[in-house]
Amino acid sequence: MVGYSDDKDALLKRLRRVEGQVRGLERMVEDDVYCIDVLTQISAATKALEAVALSLLEDHLHHCVHEAIAAGGPQADQKITEAAAAVRRLVRS
């Protein structure tokens, strides 16, 4: 079972909202909307995706990493390394 199972519906709702924002961006470009306005909407869509990513990361830490640490052994180290790599990817983007 994945860590975000309990929040799956909320995550899907947020992702659909982001999808709508991206479709709106496409329309803005097609309609030759002022570039600063397009950039503002890109920033909003980016922040929305970042919020989804942070929610998933938090769920991963609370569920997958927590369980691995409680069980101990090499899997705990693997989950911590995996989570740290995910944080690095998020920070770089």
N, C-alpha and C. Protein backbone atom coordinates (compact mmCIF):
# COMPACT_ATOMS: atom_id res chain seq x y z
N MET A 1 0.85 -1.19 0.00
CA MET A 1 0.00 0.00 0.00
C MET A 1 0.88 1.24 0.00
N VAL A 2 0.57 2.21 -0.85
CA VAL A 2 1.36 3.44 -0.93
C VAL A 2 0.93 4.41 0.16
N GLY A 3 1.84 5.29 0.53
CA GLY A 3 1.60 6.21 1.63
C GLY A 3 0.50 7.21 1.39
N TYR A 4 0.20 7.51 0.15
CA TYR A 4 -0.80 8.53 -0.15
C TYR A 4 -2.20 7.95 -0.37
N SER A 5 -2.38 6.68 -0.11
CA SER A 5 -3.68 6.04 -0.36
C SER A 5 -4.85 6.76 0.29
N ASP A 6 -4.66 7.21 1.52
CA ASP A 6 -5.75 7.89 2.23
C ASP A 6 -6.10 9.24 1.61
N ASP A 7 -5.13 9.86 0.94
CA ASP A 7 -5.33 11.19 0.35
C ASP A 7 -5.45 11.15 -1.17
N LYS A 8 -5.64 9.96 -1.72
CA LYS A 8 -5.63 9.80 -3.17
C LYS A 8 -6.65 10.70 -3.87
N ASP A 9 -7.87 10.75 -3.37
CA ASP A 9 -8.91 11.57 -4.01
C ASP A 9 -8.53 13.05 -4.00
N ALA A 10 -7.99 13.52 -2.88
CA ALA A 10 -7.58 14.93 -2.79
C ALA A 10 -6.42 15.21 -3.74
N LEU A 11 -5.47 14.29 -3.83
CA LEU A 11 -4.34 14.46 -4.75
C LEU A 11 -4.81 14.50 -6.19
N LEU A 12 -5.71 13.61 -6.54
CA LEU A 12 -6.23 13.59 -7.92
C LEU A 12 -6.98 14.89 -8.23
N LYS A 13 -7.73 15.38 -7.26
CA LYS A 13 -8.45 16.64 -7.46
C LYS A 13 -7.46 17.78 -7.71
N ARG A 14 -6.39 17.83 -6.93
CA ARG A 14 -5.39 18.89 -7.10
C ARG A 14 -4.68 18.76 -8.44
N LEU A 15 -4.38 17.52 -8.84
CA LEU A 15 -3.72 17.32 -10.13
C LEU A 15 -4.63 17.70 -11.29
N ARG A 16 -5.91 17.43 -11.16
CA ARG A 16 -6.85 17.85 -12.22
C ARG A 16 -6.94 19.37 -12.30
N ARG A 17 -6.85 20.02 -11.16
CA ARG A 17 -6.85 21.48 -11.15
C ARG A 17 -5.60 22.01 -11.87
N VAL A 18 -4.46 21.40 -11.61
CA VAL A 18 -3.22 21.79 -12.29
C VAL A 18 -3.35 21.54 -13.79
N GLU A 19 -3.94 20.42 -14.14
CA GLU A 19 -4.15 20.11 -15.55
C GLU A 19 -4.99 21.21 -16.21
N GLY A 20 -6.01 21.67 -15.52
CA GLY A 20 -6.82 22.77 -16.04
C GLY A 20 -6.02 24.06 -16.18
N GLN A 21 -5.13 24.31 -15.22
CA GLN A 21 -4.28 25.49 -15.31
C GLN A 21 -3.38 25.41 -16.54
N VAL A 22 -2.84 24.24 -16.80
CA VAL A 22 -1.94 24.08 -17.95
C VAL A 22 -2.72 24.24 -19.26
N ARG A 23 -3.94 23.71 -19.31
CA ARG A 23 -4.77 23.92 -20.50
C ARG A 23 -5.06 25.41 -20.68
N GLY A 24 -5.30 26.11 -19.57
CA GLY A 24 -5.51 27.55 -19.63
C GLY A 24 -4.29 28.27 -20.15
N LEU A 25 -3.12 27.80 -19.76
CA LEU A 25 -1.87 28.40 -20.27
C LEU A 25 -1.76 28.22 -21.78
N GLU A 26 -2.13 27.06 -22.24
CA GLU A 26 -2.10 26.80 -23.68
C GLU A 26 -3.01 27.78 -24.41
N ARG A 27 -4.21 27.98 -23.87
CA ARG A 27 -5.15 28.94 -24.49
C ARG A 27 -4.58 30.36 -24.46
N MET A 28 -3.93 30.70 -23.35
CA MET A 28 -3.35 32.04 -23.24
C MET A 28 -2.32 32.27 -24.34
N VAL A 29 -1.48 31.27 -24.58
CA VAL A 29 -0.46 31.40 -25.62
C VAL A 29 -1.11 31.46 -27.00
N GLU A 30 -2.11 30.60 -27.22
CA GLU A 30 -2.83 30.63 -28.50
C GLU A 30 -3.47 31.99 -28.74
N ASP A 31 -3.95 32.64 -27.67
CA ASP A 31 -4.63 33.92 -27.79
C ASP A 31 -3.68 35.12 -27.69
N ASP A 32 -2.38 34.85 -27.69
CA ASP A 32 -1.36 35.91 -27.64
C ASP A 32 -1.52 36.83 -26.43
N VAL A 33 -1.77 36.24 -25.28
CA VAL A 33 -1.89 36.99 -24.03
C VAL A 33 -0.52 37.55 -23.67
N TYR A 34 -0.51 38.70 -23.04
CA TYR A 34 0.72 39.37 -22.62
C TYR A 34 1.63 38.41 -21.86
N CYS A 35 2.92 38.40 -22.22
CA CYS A 35 3.85 37.40 -21.71
C CYS A 35 3.96 37.39 -20.18
N ILE A 36 3.89 38.54 -19.54
CA ILE A 36 3.98 38.59 -18.08
C ILE A 36 2.78 37.89 -17.44
N ASP A 37 1.62 38.03 -18.06
CA ASP A 37 0.43 37.35 -17.55
C ASP A 37 0.57 35.83 -17.68
N VAL A 38 1.16 35.38 -18.79
CA VAL A 38 1.40 33.95 -18.98
C VAL A 38 2.40 33.46 -17.94
N LEU A 39 3.47 34.21 -17.72
CA LEU A 39 4.47 33.83 -16.73
C LEU A 39 3.88 33.76 -15.33
N THR A 40 2.98 34.67 -15.01
CA THR A 40 2.32 34.66 -13.71
C THR A 40 1.52 33.37 -13.54
N GLN A 41 0.82 32.96 -14.57
CA GLN A 41 0.04 31.73 -14.50
C GLN A 41 0.93 30.49 -14.46
N ILE A 42 2.07 30.54 -15.14
CA ILE A 42 3.03 29.43 -15.07
C ILE A 42 3.53 29.29 -13.64
N SER A 43 3.80 30.41 -13.00
CA SER A 43 4.25 30.38 -11.61
C SER A 43 3.19 29.76 -10.71
N ALA A 44 1.93 30.09 -10.93
CA ALA A 44 0.84 29.53 -10.13
C ALA A 44 0.74 28.02 -10.33
N ALA A 45 0.85 27.56 -11.57
CA ALA A 45 0.79 26.13 -11.86
C ALA A 45 1.98 25.40 -11.24
N THR A 46 3.14 26.02 -11.30
CA THR A 46 4.34 25.44 -10.70
C THR A 46 4.17 25.29 -9.19
N LYS A 47 3.65 26.32 -8.55
CA LYS A 47 3.43 26.27 -7.10
C LYS A 47 2.41 25.19 -6.75
N ALA A 48 1.39 25.03 -7.57
CA ALA A 48 0.39 24.01 -7.32
C ALA A 48 1.00 22.61 -7.42
N LEU A 49 1.86 22.39 -8.41
CA LEU A 49 2.54 21.10 -8.53
C LEU A 49 3.50 20.88 -7.36
N GLU A 50 4.17 21.94 -6.93
CA GLU A 50 5.06 21.82 -5.78
C GLU A 50 4.28 21.43 -4.53
N ALA A 51 3.08 21.97 -4.38
CA ALA A 51 2.25 21.61 -3.23
C ALA A 51 1.87 20.14 -3.26
N VAL A 52 1.57 19.62 -4.44
CA VAL A 52 1.27 18.19 -4.57
C VAL A 52 2.51 17.37 -4.22
N ALA A 53 3.66 17.80 -4.73
CA ALA A 53 4.90 17.07 -4.45
C ALA A 53 5.20 17.05 -2.96
N LEU A 54 5.04 18.18 -2.30
CA LEU A 54 5.31 18.23 -0.86
C LEU A 54 4.33 17.36 -0.07
N SER A 55 3.10 17.33 -0.50
CA SER A 55 2.11 16.46 0.15
C SER A 55 2.50 14.99 -0.01
N LEU A 56 2.91 14.61 -1.22
CA LEU A 56 3.35 13.24 -1.46
C LEU A 56 4.59 12.90 -0.63
N LEU A 57 5.51 13.84 -0.56
CA LEU A 57 6.73 13.61 0.23
C LEU A 57 6.39 13.43 1.70
N GLU A 58 5.51 14.25 2.21
CA GLU A 58 5.11 14.13 3.62
C GLU A 58 4.44 12.78 3.88
N ASP A 59 3.56 12.37 2.98
CA ASP A 59 2.92 11.06 3.12
C ASP A 59 3.96 9.94 3.07
N HIS A 60 4.94 10.08 2.19
CA HIS A 60 6.00 9.08 2.07
C HIS A 60 6.79 8.97 3.38
N LEU A 61 7.11 10.11 3.96
CA LEU A 61 7.86 10.10 5.21
C LEU A 61 7.05 9.49 6.35
N HIS A 62 5.78 9.86 6.43
CA HIS A 62 4.94 9.36 7.51
C HIS A 62 4.62 7.87 7.37
N HIS A 63 4.53 7.41 6.15
CA HIS A 63 4.12 6.02 5.94
C HIS A 63 5.32 5.12 5.64
N CYS A 64 5.88 5.27 4.47
CA CYS A 64 6.92 4.35 3.99
C CYS A 64 8.20 4.42 4.82
N VAL A 65 8.70 5.64 5.03
CA VAL A 65 9.94 5.79 5.78
C VAL A 65 9.73 5.41 7.24
N HIS A 66 8.64 5.85 7.82
CA HIS A 66 8.36 5.52 9.22
C HIS A 66 8.30 4.01 9.43
N GLU A 67 7.59 3.31 8.55
CA GLU A 67 7.48 1.86 8.68
C GLU A 67 8.83 1.18 8.51
N ALA A 68 9.64 1.66 7.56
CA ALA A 68 10.96 1.06 7.34
C ALA A 68 11.87 1.27 8.54
N ILE A 69 11.81 2.45 9.13
CA ILE A 69 12.63 2.71 10.31
C ILE A 69 12.18 1.85 11.48
N ALA A 70 10.88 1.71 11.65
CA ALA A 70 10.36 0.87 12.73
C ALA A 70 10.79 -0.58 12.56
N ALA A 71 10.85 -1.05 11.31
CA ALA A 71 11.28 -2.42 11.03
C ALA A 71 12.79 -2.57 11.17
N GLY A 72 13.52 -1.47 10.93
CA GLY A 72 14.98 -1.51 11.03
C GLY A 72 15.62 -2.21 9.84
N GLY A 73 16.92 -2.39 9.92
CA GLY A 73 17.65 -3.08 8.87
C GLY A 73 18.00 -2.19 7.70
N PRO A 74 18.52 -2.82 6.65
CA PRO A 74 18.99 -2.05 5.48
C PRO A 74 17.89 -1.31 4.75
N GLN A 75 16.66 -1.81 4.84
CA GLN A 75 15.56 -1.13 4.15
C GLN A 75 15.33 0.27 4.74
N ALA A 76 15.57 0.44 6.02
CA ALA A 76 15.41 1.75 6.64
C ALA A 76 16.39 2.74 6.03
N ASP A 77 17.64 2.33 5.90
CA ASP A 77 18.64 3.21 5.28
C ASP A 77 18.28 3.52 3.83
N GLN A 78 17.77 2.52 3.13
CA GLN A 78 17.38 2.71 1.73
C GLN A 78 16.26 3.74 1.62
N LYS A 79 15.26 3.65 2.49
CA LYS A 79 14.13 4.59 2.44
C LYS A 79 14.57 6.01 2.79
N ILE A 80 15.49 6.15 3.73
CA ILE A 80 16.00 7.47 4.09
C ILE A 80 16.78 8.06 2.92
N THR A 81 17.62 7.26 2.29
CA THR A 81 18.39 7.72 1.13
C THR A 81 17.46 8.11 0.00
N GLU A 82 16.45 7.30 -0.22
CA GLU A 82 15.46 7.56 -1.27
C GLU A 82 14.72 8.88 -1.01
N ALA A 83 14.32 9.11 0.24
CA ALA A 83 13.62 10.35 0.59
C ALA A 83 14.53 11.55 0.43
N ALA A 84 15.79 11.41 0.85
CA ALA A 84 16.75 12.51 0.70
C ALA A 84 16.95 12.86 -0.77
N ALA A 85 17.02 11.86 -1.63
CA ALA A 85 17.16 12.11 -3.06
C ALA A 85 15.93 12.83 -3.61
N ALA A 86 14.76 12.45 -3.14
CA ALA A 86 13.53 13.12 -3.59
C ALA A 86 13.54 14.58 -3.18
N VAL A 87 13.99 14.86 -1.95
CA VAL A 87 14.07 16.25 -1.48
C VAL A 87 15.06 17.03 -2.35
N ARG A 88 16.21 16.43 -2.66
CA ARG A 88 17.19 17.10 -3.53
C ARG A 88 16.58 17.44 -4.89
N ARG A 89 15.81 16.50 -5.46
CA ARG A 89 15.18 16.77 -6.77
C ARG A 89 14.18 17.91 -6.66
N LEU A 90 13.42 17.94 -5.58
CA LEU A 90 12.44 19.01 -5.40
C LEU A 90 13.11 20.37 -5.22
N VAL A 91 14.19 20.38 -4.48
CA VAL A 91 14.88 21.66 -4.22
C VAL A 91 15.52 22.20 -5.50
N ARG A 92 16.01 21.33 -6.33
CA ARG A 92 16.64 21.76 -7.59
C ARG A 92 15.65 22.33 -8.58
N SER A 93 14.41 21.85 -8.53
CA SER A 93 13.44 22.28 -9.55
C SER A 93 12.88 23.64 -9.27
